Amino acid sequence: MVTNHQHNSVTMKRIILNTVSLAILLTAVACNDYYYPDLSYKGPVLIEIKNNQFQRGTFVRVLENTEFGREVADSLGFGTPAGQRDSFLVQLIGPHQPNAVVVNFSIAELPDAAATPPIIGAQPGVHYNMITTGNTVTIPAGQSSAWIRIAPIRVLGAANPIQRRRLRLTLTGTAQGLGISPNAANFDYTIRD
């Protein structure tokens, strides 16, 4: 026969056990939010141009990489300009889009007479050819990136053996009205003899 004292003792043990279990459960839930916070991007959907360290289809000698620029030699060092090409990552910031995103870009000469040695503006057909046709690149539906491709042209017999030529790629907008990241809209590309 169970006495009233034994019954109270069992009930008290159950209450303590349930309280401890609840405390452990609440601590685990709180720690889960602490250790595994939601890091998903909550801002607007934007497009940016990046200097991807693992360029797709890059066959040039990279002399310098920065966050928003690259300087390359116009030859691979094998004495031939054949097959040279480089690429720039255009990336979607935010969730993948259900439809293709058409990104517009412009290319401008970017001379700097004060640089040592001076930098002249890179001219299409003289210093580089665009492999990407037109002034748009398309990020496919459900994807997060696309590539702008360029082919530097080796200038043989240049008067200045360390002449540099530079252009700036600028993302100008999208056909779908998505924004361009103000911090990553430009990419400077320098071609060095």
C-alpha atoms as a PDB file:
ATOM      1  CA  MET A   1       0.000   0.000   0.000  1.00  0.00           C
ATOM      2  CA  VAL A   2       1.266   3.448  -0.959  1.00  0.00           C
ATOM      3  CA  THR A   3       1.281   5.938   1.803  1.00  0.00           C
ATOM      4  CA  ASN A   4       0.400   9.565   1.343  1.00  0.00           C
ATOM      5  CA  HIS A   5       4.039  10.504   2.067  1.00  0.00           C
ATOM      6  CA  GLN A   6       5.327   8.139  -0.654  1.00  0.00           C
ATOM      7  CA  HIS A   7       2.737   9.467  -3.106  1.00  0.00           C
ATOM      8  CA  ASN A   8       3.806  13.074  -2.412  1.00  0.00           C
ATOM      9  CA  SER A   9       7.471  12.093  -2.828  1.00  0.00           C
ATOM     10  CA  VAL A  10       6.817  10.476  -6.245  1.00  0.00           C
ATOM     11  CA  THR A  11       4.737  13.470  -7.358  1.00  0.00           C
ATOM     12  CA  MET A  12       7.458  15.863  -6.244  1.00  0.00           C
ATOM     13  CA  LYS A  13      10.101  13.863  -8.149  1.00  0.00           C
ATOM     14  CA  ARG A  14       7.939  14.002 -11.289  1.00  0.00           C
ATOM     15  CA  ILE A  15       7.480  17.762 -10.938  1.00  0.00           C
ATOM     16  CA  ILE A  16      11.228  18.274 -10.493  1.00  0.00           C
ATOM     17  CA  LEU A  17      12.011  15.931 -13.405  1.00  0.00           C
ATOM     18  CA  ASN A  18       9.477  17.717 -15.659  1.00  0.00           C
ATOM     19  CA  THR A  19      10.814  21.134 -14.611  1.00  0.00           C
ATOM     20  CA  VAL A  20      14.419  20.116 -15.318  1.00  0.00           C
ATOM     21  CA  SER A  21      13.410  18.593 -18.653  1.00  0.00           C
ATOM     22  CA  LEU A  22      11.564  21.777 -19.629  1.00  0.00           C
ATOM     23  CA  ALA A  23      14.569  23.897 -18.624  1.00  0.00           C
ATOM     24  CA  ILE A  24      16.896  21.737 -20.723  1.00  0.00           C
ATOM     25  CA  LEU A  25      14.523  21.916 -23.687  1.00  0.00           C
ATOM     26  CA  LEU A  26      14.202  25.717 -23.460  1.00  0.00           C
ATOM     27  CA  THR A  27      17.981  26.078 -23.148  1.00  0.00           C
ATOM     28  CA  ALA A  28      18.503  23.881 -26.214  1.00  0.00           C
ATOM     29  CA  VAL A  29      16.043  25.936 -28.260  1.00  0.00           C
ATOM     30  CA  ALA A  30      17.653  29.194 -27.138  1.00  0.00           C
ATOM     31  CA  CYS A  31      21.139  27.853 -27.878  1.00  0.00           C
ATOM     32  CA  ASN A  32      20.028  26.664 -31.297  1.00  0.00           C
ATOM     33  CA  ASP A  33      19.128  30.248 -32.225  1.00  0.00           C
ATOM     34  CA  TYR A  34      22.422  31.425 -30.763  1.00  0.00           C
ATOM     35  CA  TYR A  35      24.626  28.847 -32.456  1.00  0.00           C
ATOM     36  CA  TYR A  36      22.661  28.619 -35.696  1.00  0.00           C
ATOM     37  CA  PRO A  37      21.352  32.107 -36.428  1.00  0.00           C
ATOM     38  CA  ASP A  38      19.449  32.755 -39.653  1.00  0.00           C
ATOM     39  CA  LEU A  39      22.084  34.180 -41.994  1.00  0.00           C
ATOM     40  CA  SER A  40      19.903  34.356 -45.095  1.00  0.00           C
ATOM     41  CA  TYR A  41      20.039  37.608 -47.050  1.00  0.00           C
ATOM     42  CA  LYS A  42      17.074  39.848 -46.217  1.00  0.00           C
ATOM     43  CA  GLY A  43      17.869  42.885 -48.391  1.00  0.00           C
ATOM     44  CA  PRO A  44      16.707  43.813 -51.886  1.00  0.00           C
ATOM     45  CA  VAL A  45      17.581  41.673 -54.906  1.00  0.00           C
ATOM     46  CA  LEU A  46      20.674  43.238 -56.503  1.00  0.00           C
ATOM     47  CA  ILE A  47      23.198  42.482 -59.228  1.00  0.00           C
ATOM     48  CA  GLU A  48      26.971  42.905 -58.778  1.00  0.00           C
ATOM     49  CA  ILE A  49      30.168  42.353 -60.737  1.00  0.00           C
ATOM     50  CA  LYS A  50      32.895  40.458 -58.910  1.00  0.00           C
ATOM     51  CA  ASN A  51      36.502  39.530 -59.317  1.00  0.00           C
ATOM     52  CA  ASN A  52      36.100  35.810 -58.946  1.00  0.00           C
ATOM     53  CA  GLN A  53      39.415  34.267 -57.902  1.00  0.00           C
ATOM     54  CA  PHE A  54      38.568  31.147 -59.904  1.00  0.00           C
ATOM     55  CA  GLN A  55      37.703  32.755 -63.215  1.00  0.00           C
ATOM     56  CA  ARG A  56      35.832  30.611 -65.679  1.00  0.00           C
ATOM     57  CA  GLY A  57      37.704  30.237 -68.935  1.00  0.00           C
ATOM     58  CA  THR A  58      40.599  32.495 -67.955  1.00  0.00           C
ATOM     59  CA  PHE A  59      43.713  31.980 -70.028  1.00  0.00           C
ATOM     60  CA  VAL A  60      45.772  35.075 -69.272  1.00  0.00           C
ATOM     61  CA  ARG A  61      48.618  35.708 -66.862  1.00  0.00           C
ATOM     62  CA  VAL A  62      47.107  37.571 -63.906  1.00  0.00           C
ATOM     63  CA  LEU A  63      49.538  40.106 -62.436  1.00  0.00           C
ATOM     64  CA  GLU A  64      47.285  41.607 -59.780  1.00  0.00           C
ATOM     65  CA  ASN A  65      43.827  40.869 -58.396  1.00  0.00           C
ATOM     66  CA  THR A  66      41.867  43.316 -56.284  1.00  0.00           C
ATOM     67  CA  GLU A  67      38.259  43.254 -55.170  1.00  0.00           C
ATOM     68  CA  PHE A  68      37.083  45.422 -58.074  1.00  0.00           C
ATOM     69  CA  GLY A  69      39.848  45.090 -60.620  1.00  0.00           C
ATOM     70  CA  ARG A  70      42.466  42.956 -62.283  1.00  0.00           C
ATOM     71  CA  GLU A  71      45.715  43.579 -64.133  1.00  0.00           C
ATOM     72  CA  VAL A  72      46.826  40.991 -66.663  1.00  0.00           C
ATOM     73  CA  ALA A  73      49.726  40.458 -69.030  1.00  0.00           C
ATOM     74  CA  ASP A  74      48.650  40.384 -72.648  1.00  0.00           C
ATOM     75  CA  SER A  75      50.493  37.134 -73.259  1.00  0.00           C
ATOM     76  CA  LEU A  76      50.815  33.864 -71.425  1.00  0.00           C
ATOM     77  CA  GLY A  77      54.567  34.160 -71.603  1.00  0.00           C
ATOM     78  CA  PHE A  78      54.720  31.550 -74.364  1.00  0.00           C
ATOM     79  CA  GLY A  79      55.183  34.096 -77.136  1.00  0.00           C
ATOM     80  CA  THR A  80      51.702  33.638 -78.574  1.00  0.00           C
ATOM     81  CA  PRO A  81      48.489  35.585 -78.070  1.00  0.00           C
ATOM     82  CA  ALA A  82      46.310  32.723 -79.345  1.00  0.00           C
ATOM     83  CA  GLY A  83      43.492  31.619 -77.086  1.00  0.00           C
ATOM     84  CA  GLN A  84      43.777  34.421 -74.553  1.00  0.00           C
ATOM     85  CA  ARG A  85      40.538  35.193 -72.781  1.00  0.00           C
ATOM     86  CA  ASP A  86      39.335  36.356 -69.414  1.00  0.00           C
ATOM     87  CA  SER A  87      36.007  36.518 -67.610  1.00  0.00           C
ATOM     88  CA  PHE A  88      34.154  38.571 -65.004  1.00  0.00           C
ATOM     89  CA  LEU A  89      31.464  37.204 -62.710  1.00  0.00           C
ATOM     90  CA  VAL A  90      28.066  38.932 -62.752  1.00  0.00           C
ATOM     91  CA  GLN A  91      26.213  37.704 -59.691  1.00  0.00           C
ATOM     92  CA  LEU A  92      22.703  37.870 -58.285  1.00  0.00           C
ATOM     93  CA  ILE A  93      22.458  38.899 -54.626  1.00  0.00           C
ATOM     94  CA  GLY A  94      19.311  37.429 -53.122  1.00  0.00           C
ATOM     95  CA  PRO A  95      17.042  34.555 -54.092  1.00  0.00           C
ATOM     96  CA  HIS A  96      17.224  32.949 -57.516  1.00  0.00           C
ATOM     97  CA  GLN A  97      14.722  34.409 -59.934  1.00  0.00           C
ATOM     98  CA  PRO A  98      12.039  32.325 -61.687  1.00  0.00           C
ATOM     99  CA  ASN A  99      12.836  34.019 -65.026  1.00  0.00           C
ATOM    100  CA  ALA A 100      16.114  34.839 -66.755  1.00  0.00           C
ATOM    101  CA  VAL A 101      17.664  38.175 -65.711  1.00  0.00           C
ATOM    102  CA  VAL A 102      19.135  40.283 -68.521  1.00  0.00           C
ATOM    103  CA  VAL A 103      21.905  42.524 -67.155  1.00  0.00           C
ATOM    104  CA  ASN A 104      23.023  45.569 -69.163  1.00  0.00           C
ATOM    105  CA  PHE A 105      26.616  46.777 -69.001  1.00  0.00           C
ATOM    106  CA  SER A 106      28.785  49.444 -70.584  1.00  0.00           C
ATOM    107  CA  ILE A 107      32.495  49.536 -71.362  1.00  0.00           C
ATOM    108  CA  ALA A 108      34.539  52.734 -71.264  1.00  0.00           C
ATOM    109  CA  GLU A 109      38.193  53.623 -71.727  1.00  0.00           C
ATOM    110  CA  LEU A 110      39.774  54.513 -68.380  1.00  0.00           C
ATOM    111  CA  PRO A 111      43.068  56.356 -68.924  1.00  0.00           C
ATOM    112  CA  ASP A 112      45.235  57.680 -66.094  1.00  0.00           C
ATOM    113  CA  ALA A 113      47.991  60.044 -67.264  1.00  0.00           C
ATOM    114  CA  ALA A 114      49.236  60.517 -63.680  1.00  0.00           C
ATOM    115  CA  ALA A 115      50.003  56.809 -63.194  1.00  0.00           C
ATOM    116  CA  THR A 116      53.581  55.554 -63.535  1.00  0.00           C
ATOM    117  CA  PRO A 117      53.829  54.415 -66.241  1.00  0.00           C
ATOM    118  CA  PRO A 118      50.803  56.257 -67.676  1.00  0.00           C
ATOM    119  CA  ILE A 119      47.716  54.197 -68.426  1.00  0.00           C
ATOM    120  CA  ILE A 120      45.973  54.737 -71.748  1.00  0.00           C
ATOM    121  CA  GLY A 121      42.340  53.904 -72.429  1.00  0.00           C
ATOM    122  CA  ALA A 122      41.846  50.399 -73.801  1.00  0.00           C
ATOM    123  CA  GLN A 123      40.152  50.467 -77.200  1.00  0.00           C
ATOM    124  CA  PRO A 124      37.957  47.675 -78.591  1.00  0.00           C
ATOM    125  CA  GLY A 125      39.450  45.918 -81.591  1.00  0.00           C
ATOM    126  CA  VAL A 126      42.886  47.357 -80.786  1.00  0.00           C
ATOM    127  CA  HIS A 127      43.579  46.250 -77.212  1.00  0.00           C
ATOM    128  CA  TYR A 128      40.770  43.729 -76.629  1.00  0.00           C
ATOM    129  CA  ASN A 129      37.837  41.975 -78.260  1.00  0.00           C
ATOM    130  CA  MET A 130      34.612  41.155 -76.478  1.00  0.00           C
ATOM    131  CA  ILE A 131      33.674  37.481 -76.549  1.00  0.00           C
ATOM    132  CA  THR A 132      30.326  38.298 -74.935  1.00  0.00           C
ATOM    133  CA  THR A 133      28.307  39.805 -77.760  1.00  0.00           C
ATOM    134  CA  GLY A 134      26.413  43.050 -77.296  1.00  0.00           C
ATOM    135  CA  ASN A 135      26.188  44.890 -74.012  1.00  0.00           C
ATOM    136  CA  THR A 136      24.070  42.383 -72.092  1.00  0.00           C
ATOM    137  CA  VAL A 137      24.662  39.159 -70.232  1.00  0.00           C
ATOM    138  CA  THR A 138      21.876  36.810 -69.106  1.00  0.00           C
ATOM    139  CA  ILE A 139      21.642  35.065 -65.752  1.00  0.00           C
ATOM    140  CA  PRO A 140      19.535  31.964 -66.535  1.00  0.00           C
ATOM    141  CA  ALA A 141      16.285  31.334 -64.623  1.00  0.00           C
ATOM    142  CA  GLY A 142      16.972  29.625 -61.308  1.00  0.00           C
ATOM    143  CA  GLN A 143      20.703  30.428 -61.478  1.00  0.00           C
ATOM    144  CA  SER A 144      22.802  32.965 -59.579  1.00  0.00           C
ATOM    145  CA  SER A 145      25.483  34.094 -62.031  1.00  0.00           C
ATOM    146  CA  ALA A 146      26.699  34.669 -65.563  1.00  0.00           C
ATOM    147  CA  TRP A 147      30.021  35.657 -67.106  1.00  0.00           C
ATOM    148  CA  ILE A 148      31.201  38.587 -69.223  1.00  0.00           C
ATOM    149  CA  ARG A 149      34.060  37.363 -71.422  1.00  0.00           C
ATOM    150  CA  ILE A 150      36.867  39.337 -73.035  1.00  0.00           C
ATOM    151  CA  ALA A 151      39.970  38.557 -75.114  1.00  0.00           C
ATOM    152  CA  PRO A 152      42.981  40.849 -74.654  1.00  0.00           C
ATOM    153  CA  ILE A 153      44.948  41.530 -77.859  1.00  0.00           C
ATOM    154  CA  ARG A 154      48.708  41.374 -77.689  1.00  0.00           C
ATOM    155  CA  VAL A 155      50.287  44.572 -78.946  1.00  0.00           C
ATOM    156  CA  LEU A 156      53.544  43.464 -80.534  1.00  0.00           C
ATOM    157  CA  GLY A 157      56.413  45.910 -80.877  1.00  0.00           C
ATOM    158  CA  ALA A 158      54.906  48.520 -78.579  1.00  0.00           C
ATOM    159  CA  ALA A 159      57.102  51.602 -78.198  1.00  0.00           C
ATOM    160  CA  ASN A 160      56.807  51.365 -74.418  1.00  0.00           C
ATOM    161  CA  PRO A 161      57.415  47.798 -73.245  1.00  0.00           C
ATOM    162  CA  ILE A 162      55.467  48.349 -70.033  1.00  0.00           C
ATOM    163  CA  GLN A 163      52.530  50.180 -71.520  1.00  0.00           C
ATOM    164  CA  ARG A 164      49.219  49.647 -69.749  1.00  0.00           C
ATOM    165  CA  ARG A 165      45.725  49.953 -71.217  1.00  0.00           C
ATOM    166  CA  ARG A 166      42.616  50.024 -69.048  1.00  0.00           C
ATOM    167  CA  LEU A 167      38.872  49.772 -69.435  1.00  0.00           C
ATOM    168  CA  ARG A 168      35.984  49.899 -66.977  1.00  0.00           C
ATOM    169  CA  LEU A 169      33.004  47.565 -67.103  1.00  0.00           C
ATOM    170  CA  THR A 170      29.947  49.116 -65.463  1.00  0.00           C
ATOM    171  CA  LEU A 171      26.671  47.346 -64.747  1.00  0.00           C
ATOM    172  CA  THR A 172      23.945  49.788 -65.817  1.00  0.00           C
ATOM    173  CA  GLY A 173      20.667  48.003 -65.045  1.00  0.00           C
ATOM    174  CA  THR A 174      18.476  45.026 -65.774  1.00  0.00           C
ATOM    175  CA  ALA A 175      15.562  44.508 -68.116  1.00  0.00           C
ATOM    176  CA  GLN A 176      13.542  43.304 -65.103  1.00  0.00           C
ATOM    177  CA  GLY A 177      14.196  46.466 -63.046  1.00  0.00           C
ATOM    178  CA  LEU A 178      16.379  44.770 -60.422  1.00  0.00           C
ATOM    179  CA  GLY A 179      18.851  47.056 -58.689  1.00  0.00           C
ATOM    180  CA  ILE A 180      22.601  47.231 -59.219  1.00  0.00           C
ATOM    181  CA  SER A 181      24.768  47.046 -56.100  1.00  0.00           C
ATOM    182  CA  PRO A 182      26.215  50.543 -55.590  1.00  0.00           C
ATOM    183  CA  ASN A 183      29.322  48.985 -54.037  1.00  0.00           C
ATOM    184  CA  ALA A 184      30.022  46.539 -56.860  1.00  0.00           C
ATOM    185  CA  ALA A 185      28.811  48.131 -60.096  1.00  0.00           C
ATOM    186  CA  ASN A 186      32.268  48.758 -61.656  1.00  0.00           C
ATOM    187  CA  PHE A 187      35.208  46.568 -62.555  1.00  0.00           C
ATOM    188  CA  ASP A 188      38.523  47.971 -63.846  1.00  0.00           C
ATOM    189  CA  TYR A 189      40.517  45.788 -66.207  1.00  0.00           C
ATOM    190  CA  THR A 190      44.129  46.650 -67.062  1.00  0.00           C
ATOM    191  CA  ILE A 191      46.078  44.969 -69.863  1.00  0.00           C
ATOM    192  CA  ARG A 192      49.860  45.242 -69.584  1.00  0.00           C
ATOM    193  CA  ASP A 193      52.486  44.482 -72.219  1.00  0.00           C
END
